[in-house]
Amino acid sequence: MWWCLQAKYVANLEKFGLLLKNTLNAEIVEDSPRDQFWGAVPLGDDGLQGRNVLGRLLMKLRREIKVGDALWVEDQLAVPKPSIPGSRILGIEMHAVTVGSVGPSTLF
């Protein structure tokens, strides 16, 4: 999931990147009544129930964008191929993603 979020950022700098940056320091919560691992369920004024892993990963990505780590220098963006041998999504081998190489049919 971490690799996918990074690839999504590189592929969608203007929309997804701006959206993440505009959240500033707000907590990001994946509102999911069915999946309390990736998301969380609001409990009224009592907070949330769930691990909110997706929300936490999005906040981590936002922090890395703000820090300006070398990976996120916008004119040199690259997400390397996952280090897990034979990594596939929907049967398609995953590869490195750069801004110039990303398109609907080349993301994976």
N, C-alpha and C. Protein backbone atom coordinates (compact mmCIF):
# COMPACT_ATOMS: atom_id res chain seq x y z
N MET A 1 0.83 -1.20 0.00
CA MET A 1 0.00 0.00 0.00
C MET A 1 0.87 1.25 0.00
N TRP A 2 1.99 1.21 0.73
CA TRP A 2 2.88 2.37 0.78
C TRP A 2 3.41 2.70 -0.62
N TRP A 3 3.84 1.66 -1.35
CA TRP A 3 4.33 1.87 -2.71
C TRP A 3 3.22 2.46 -3.58
N CYS A 4 2.02 1.94 -3.45
CA CYS A 4 0.88 2.41 -4.27
C CYS A 4 0.58 3.88 -4.01
N LEU A 5 0.62 4.30 -2.76
CA LEU A 5 0.36 5.70 -2.45
C LEU A 5 1.44 6.61 -3.01
N GLN A 6 2.69 6.17 -2.92
CA GLN A 6 3.78 6.96 -3.50
C GLN A 6 3.60 7.07 -5.02
N ALA A 7 3.27 5.95 -5.66
CA ALA A 7 3.06 5.96 -7.11
C ALA A 7 1.88 6.85 -7.48
N LYS A 8 0.84 6.82 -6.68
CA LYS A 8 -0.33 7.67 -6.94
C LYS A 8 0.06 9.15 -6.86
N TYR A 9 0.89 9.48 -5.88
CA TYR A 9 1.35 10.86 -5.74
C TYR A 9 2.14 11.29 -6.98
N VAL A 10 3.09 10.46 -7.40
CA VAL A 10 3.91 10.79 -8.57
C VAL A 10 3.04 10.92 -9.82
N ALA A 11 2.07 10.04 -9.96
CA ALA A 11 1.21 10.05 -11.14
C ALA A 11 0.21 11.20 -11.15
N ASN A 12 -0.07 11.75 -9.98
CA ASN A 12 -1.12 12.77 -9.87
C ASN A 12 -0.65 13.95 -9.03
N LEU A 13 0.51 14.49 -9.37
CA LEU A 13 1.08 15.59 -8.59
C LEU A 13 0.12 16.75 -8.39
N GLU A 14 -0.51 17.17 -9.46
CA GLU A 14 -1.34 18.36 -9.37
C GLU A 14 -2.58 18.15 -8.52
N LYS A 15 -3.29 17.06 -8.72
CA LYS A 15 -4.53 16.85 -7.97
C LYS A 15 -4.29 16.21 -6.60
N PHE A 16 -3.68 15.03 -6.60
CA PHE A 16 -3.49 14.31 -5.34
C PHE A 16 -2.47 15.02 -4.46
N GLY A 17 -1.38 15.50 -5.07
CA GLY A 17 -0.36 16.21 -4.30
C GLY A 17 -0.91 17.46 -3.66
N LEU A 18 -1.66 18.24 -4.43
CA LEU A 18 -2.26 19.46 -3.89
C LEU A 18 -3.27 19.14 -2.80
N LEU A 19 -4.06 18.10 -3.01
CA LEU A 19 -5.03 17.69 -2.00
C LEU A 19 -4.33 17.36 -0.68
N LEU A 20 -3.26 16.57 -0.76
CA LEU A 20 -2.52 16.22 0.46
C LEU A 20 -1.93 17.45 1.13
N LYS A 21 -1.30 18.30 0.33
CA LYS A 21 -0.68 19.51 0.89
C LYS A 21 -1.72 20.42 1.54
N ASN A 22 -2.92 20.49 0.97
CA ASN A 22 -3.96 21.36 1.51
C ASN A 22 -4.57 20.86 2.82
N THR A 23 -4.29 19.61 3.18
CA THR A 23 -4.79 19.12 4.47
C THR A 23 -3.99 19.69 5.63
N LEU A 24 -2.88 20.36 5.30
CA LEU A 24 -1.99 20.97 6.29
C LEU A 24 -1.59 19.93 7.34
N ASN A 25 -1.97 20.14 8.59
CA ASN A 25 -1.61 19.20 9.65
C ASN A 25 -2.83 18.45 10.19
N ALA A 26 -3.93 18.50 9.46
CA ALA A 26 -5.15 17.83 9.92
C ALA A 26 -4.97 16.31 9.95
N GLU A 27 -5.63 15.67 10.88
CA GLU A 27 -5.60 14.21 10.92
C GLU A 27 -6.42 13.68 9.74
N ILE A 28 -5.88 12.70 9.05
CA ILE A 28 -6.57 12.09 7.92
C ILE A 28 -7.11 10.74 8.37
N VAL A 29 -8.42 10.57 8.20
CA VAL A 29 -9.07 9.33 8.62
C VAL A 29 -9.83 8.74 7.44
N GLU A 30 -9.56 7.47 7.16
CA GLU A 30 -10.33 6.74 6.15
C GLU A 30 -11.62 6.30 6.83
N ASP A 31 -12.73 6.93 6.48
CA ASP A 31 -14.02 6.63 7.09
C ASP A 31 -14.56 5.34 6.47
N SER A 32 -14.43 4.24 7.19
CA SER A 32 -14.83 2.95 6.65
C SER A 32 -15.60 2.14 7.68
N PRO A 33 -16.91 2.01 7.50
CA PRO A 33 -17.69 1.23 8.46
C PRO A 33 -17.44 -0.27 8.35
N ARG A 34 -16.83 -0.73 7.24
CA ARG A 34 -16.63 -2.17 7.06
C ARG A 34 -15.19 -2.62 7.28
N ASP A 35 -14.24 -1.71 7.26
CA ASP A 35 -12.84 -2.11 7.35
C ASP A 35 -12.12 -1.30 8.41
N GLN A 36 -12.02 -1.87 9.59
CA GLN A 36 -11.40 -1.15 10.70
C GLN A 36 -9.89 -1.34 10.75
N PHE A 37 -9.31 -2.01 9.75
CA PHE A 37 -7.85 -2.04 9.64
C PHE A 37 -7.39 -0.82 8.83
N TRP A 38 -7.88 -0.70 7.60
CA TRP A 38 -7.48 0.42 6.75
C TRP A 38 -8.14 1.72 7.19
N GLY A 39 -9.31 1.64 7.78
CA GLY A 39 -10.04 2.84 8.16
C GLY A 39 -10.45 2.82 9.61
N ALA A 40 -11.42 3.66 9.91
CA ALA A 40 -11.95 3.77 11.26
C ALA A 40 -13.41 4.20 11.16
N VAL A 41 -14.15 3.91 12.21
CA VAL A 41 -15.57 4.26 12.26
C VAL A 41 -15.77 5.34 13.32
N PRO A 42 -16.41 6.44 12.96
CA PRO A 42 -16.67 7.49 13.95
C PRO A 42 -17.60 6.98 15.06
N LEU A 43 -17.28 7.34 16.29
CA LEU A 43 -18.09 6.96 17.45
C LEU A 43 -18.73 8.19 18.07
N GLY A 44 -19.22 9.08 17.26
CA GLY A 44 -19.80 10.32 17.77
C GLY A 44 -18.71 11.18 18.37
N ASP A 45 -18.98 11.73 19.56
CA ASP A 45 -18.01 12.59 20.23
C ASP A 45 -16.90 11.79 20.91
N ASP A 46 -17.01 10.47 20.91
CA ASP A 46 -16.04 9.63 21.61
C ASP A 46 -14.83 9.27 20.75
N GLY A 47 -14.71 9.81 19.55
CA GLY A 47 -13.55 9.54 18.71
C GLY A 47 -13.84 8.53 17.63
N LEU A 48 -12.86 7.68 17.38
CA LEU A 48 -12.92 6.72 16.29
C LEU A 48 -12.60 5.32 16.79
N GLN A 49 -13.13 4.34 16.07
CA GLN A 49 -12.80 2.94 16.37
C GLN A 49 -12.20 2.33 15.12
N GLY A 50 -10.97 1.87 15.21
CA GLY A 50 -10.28 1.26 14.08
C GLY A 50 -8.83 1.70 14.05
N ARG A 51 -8.03 0.99 13.25
CA ARG A 51 -6.59 1.27 13.19
C ARG A 51 -6.24 2.41 12.25
N ASN A 52 -7.08 2.68 11.25
CA ASN A 52 -6.87 3.79 10.32
C ASN A 52 -5.49 3.74 9.66
N VAL A 53 -5.07 2.58 9.21
CA VAL A 53 -3.75 2.42 8.61
C VAL A 53 -3.62 3.25 7.33
N LEU A 54 -4.65 3.29 6.50
CA LEU A 54 -4.59 4.10 5.29
C LEU A 54 -4.43 5.58 5.63
N GLY A 55 -5.19 6.06 6.58
CA GLY A 55 -5.06 7.45 7.00
C GLY A 55 -3.66 7.76 7.53
N ARG A 56 -3.10 6.84 8.29
CA ARG A 56 -1.75 7.04 8.83
C ARG A 56 -0.70 7.06 7.70
N LEU A 57 -0.87 6.19 6.70
CA LEU A 57 0.06 6.19 5.57
C LEU A 57 -0.05 7.49 4.77
N LEU A 58 -1.26 7.99 4.59
CA LEU A 58 -1.43 9.27 3.88
C LEU A 58 -0.76 10.41 4.64
N MET A 59 -0.86 10.39 5.98
CA MET A 59 -0.21 11.43 6.77
C MET A 59 1.31 11.30 6.70
N LYS A 60 1.83 10.06 6.63
CA LYS A 60 3.27 9.84 6.47
C LYS A 60 3.72 10.40 5.12
N LEU A 61 2.96 10.13 4.06
CA LEU A 61 3.30 10.65 2.74
C LEU A 61 3.30 12.18 2.76
N ARG A 62 2.32 12.75 3.40
CA ARG A 62 2.24 14.22 3.50
C ARG A 62 3.47 14.78 4.22
N ARG A 63 3.90 14.11 5.30
CA ARG A 63 5.10 14.56 6.02
C ARG A 63 6.34 14.50 5.12
N GLU A 64 6.47 13.44 4.34
CA GLU A 64 7.63 13.30 3.46
C GLU A 64 7.62 14.36 2.37
N ILE A 65 6.45 14.71 1.88
CA ILE A 65 6.35 15.76 0.87
C ILE A 65 6.81 17.08 1.47
N LYS A 66 6.35 17.36 2.69
CA LYS A 66 6.69 18.62 3.35
C LYS A 66 8.16 18.71 3.72
N VAL A 67 8.76 17.59 4.11
CA VAL A 67 10.15 17.59 4.51
C VAL A 67 11.05 17.90 3.32
N GLY A 68 10.61 17.54 2.12
CA GLY A 68 11.40 17.81 0.93
C GLY A 68 12.51 16.78 0.76
N ASP A 69 12.28 15.56 1.23
CA ASP A 69 13.23 14.47 1.05
C ASP A 69 13.56 14.34 -0.43
N ALA A 70 14.76 13.87 -0.74
CA ALA A 70 15.23 13.79 -2.14
C ALA A 70 14.24 13.05 -3.04
N LEU A 71 13.53 12.07 -2.49
CA LEU A 71 12.55 11.33 -3.28
C LEU A 71 11.45 12.26 -3.80
N TRP A 72 11.17 13.33 -3.08
CA TRP A 72 10.02 14.16 -3.42
C TRP A 72 10.39 15.50 -4.07
N VAL A 73 11.63 15.65 -4.55
CA VAL A 73 11.97 16.85 -5.31
C VAL A 73 11.17 16.77 -6.60
N GLU A 74 10.26 17.69 -6.79
CA GLU A 74 9.23 17.52 -7.82
C GLU A 74 9.75 17.39 -9.25
N ASP A 75 10.93 17.90 -9.55
CA ASP A 75 11.42 17.73 -10.93
C ASP A 75 12.22 16.44 -11.09
N GLN A 76 12.38 15.66 -10.02
CA GLN A 76 13.13 14.41 -10.08
C GLN A 76 12.39 13.29 -9.37
N LEU A 77 11.08 13.32 -9.38
CA LEU A 77 10.30 12.32 -8.65
C LEU A 77 10.47 10.93 -9.24
N ALA A 78 10.67 9.96 -8.35
CA ALA A 78 10.78 8.56 -8.77
C ALA A 78 10.39 7.67 -7.61
N VAL A 79 9.63 6.65 -7.91
CA VAL A 79 9.29 5.62 -6.93
C VAL A 79 9.91 4.34 -7.46
N PRO A 80 10.93 3.82 -6.76
CA PRO A 80 11.61 2.64 -7.28
C PRO A 80 10.72 1.41 -7.28
N LYS A 81 11.08 0.46 -8.11
CA LYS A 81 10.37 -0.83 -8.16
C LYS A 81 10.43 -1.45 -6.77
N PRO A 82 9.34 -2.05 -6.31
CA PRO A 82 9.37 -2.70 -4.99
C PRO A 82 10.49 -3.74 -4.92
N SER A 83 11.10 -3.86 -3.76
CA SER A 83 12.23 -4.77 -3.59
C SER A 83 11.80 -6.22 -3.39
N ILE A 84 10.53 -6.48 -3.42
CA ILE A 84 10.01 -7.85 -3.28
C ILE A 84 10.04 -8.52 -4.65
N PRO A 85 10.83 -9.59 -4.81
CA PRO A 85 10.92 -10.25 -6.12
C PRO A 85 9.54 -10.71 -6.61
N GLY A 86 9.28 -10.49 -7.89
CA GLY A 86 8.03 -10.94 -8.50
C GLY A 86 6.81 -10.13 -8.09
N SER A 87 6.99 -8.90 -7.58
CA SER A 87 5.86 -8.07 -7.17
C SER A 87 4.92 -7.83 -8.33
N ARG A 88 3.64 -8.12 -8.12
CA ARG A 88 2.63 -7.96 -9.17
C ARG A 88 1.36 -7.38 -8.57
N ILE A 89 0.65 -6.65 -9.40
CA ILE A 89 -0.69 -6.17 -9.06
C ILE A 89 -1.58 -6.59 -10.21
N LEU A 90 -2.63 -7.33 -9.90
CA LEU A 90 -3.54 -7.86 -10.91
C LEU A 90 -2.79 -8.62 -12.00
N GLY A 91 -1.73 -9.32 -11.60
CA GLY A 91 -0.96 -10.13 -12.53
C GLY A 91 0.06 -9.37 -13.36
N ILE A 92 0.14 -8.07 -13.19
CA ILE A 92 1.07 -7.25 -13.96
C ILE A 92 2.28 -6.93 -13.08
N GLU A 93 3.48 -7.17 -13.60
CA GLU A 93 4.69 -6.90 -12.83
C GLU A 93 4.83 -5.41 -12.55
N MET A 94 5.17 -5.09 -11.32
CA MET A 94 5.34 -3.70 -10.91
C MET A 94 6.73 -3.22 -11.33
N HIS A 95 6.85 -1.93 -11.66
CA HIS A 95 8.13 -1.35 -12.05
C HIS A 95 8.27 0.02 -11.42
N ALA A 96 9.42 0.62 -11.57
CA ALA A 96 9.65 1.97 -11.07
C ALA A 96 8.68 2.94 -11.74
N VAL A 97 8.30 3.98 -11.01
CA VAL A 97 7.39 4.98 -11.54
C VAL A 97 8.07 6.34 -11.46
N THR A 98 8.08 7.05 -12.58
CA THR A 98 8.57 8.41 -12.63
C THR A 98 7.49 9.28 -13.24
N VAL A 99 7.62 10.57 -13.10
CA VAL A 99 6.58 11.46 -13.61
C VAL A 99 6.37 11.27 -15.11
N GLY A 100 7.42 11.18 -15.88
CA GLY A 100 7.29 11.05 -17.32
C GLY A 100 6.81 9.70 -17.80
N SER A 101 6.92 8.66 -16.96
CA SER A 101 6.57 7.32 -17.42
C SER A 101 5.18 6.88 -16.99
N VAL A 102 4.48 7.71 -16.29
CA VAL A 102 3.20 7.30 -15.72
C VAL A 102 2.07 7.59 -16.67
N GLY A 103 1.23 6.58 -16.85
CA GLY A 103 0.02 6.71 -17.63
C GLY A 103 -0.91 5.60 -17.17
N PRO A 104 -2.16 5.64 -17.54
CA PRO A 104 -3.11 4.63 -17.09
C PRO A 104 -2.65 3.20 -17.33
N SER A 105 -1.97 2.95 -18.43
CA SER A 105 -1.58 1.58 -18.74
C SER A 105 -0.17 1.24 -18.27
N THR A 106 0.57 2.24 -17.74
CA THR A 106 1.96 1.97 -17.36
C THR A 106 2.22 2.10 -15.87
N LEU A 107 1.21 2.39 -15.08
CA LEU A 107 1.44 2.60 -13.65
C LEU A 107 2.05 1.38 -13.00
N PHE A 108 1.63 0.19 -13.39
CA PHE A 108 2.19 -1.02 -12.80
C PHE A 108 3.01 -1.72 -13.85
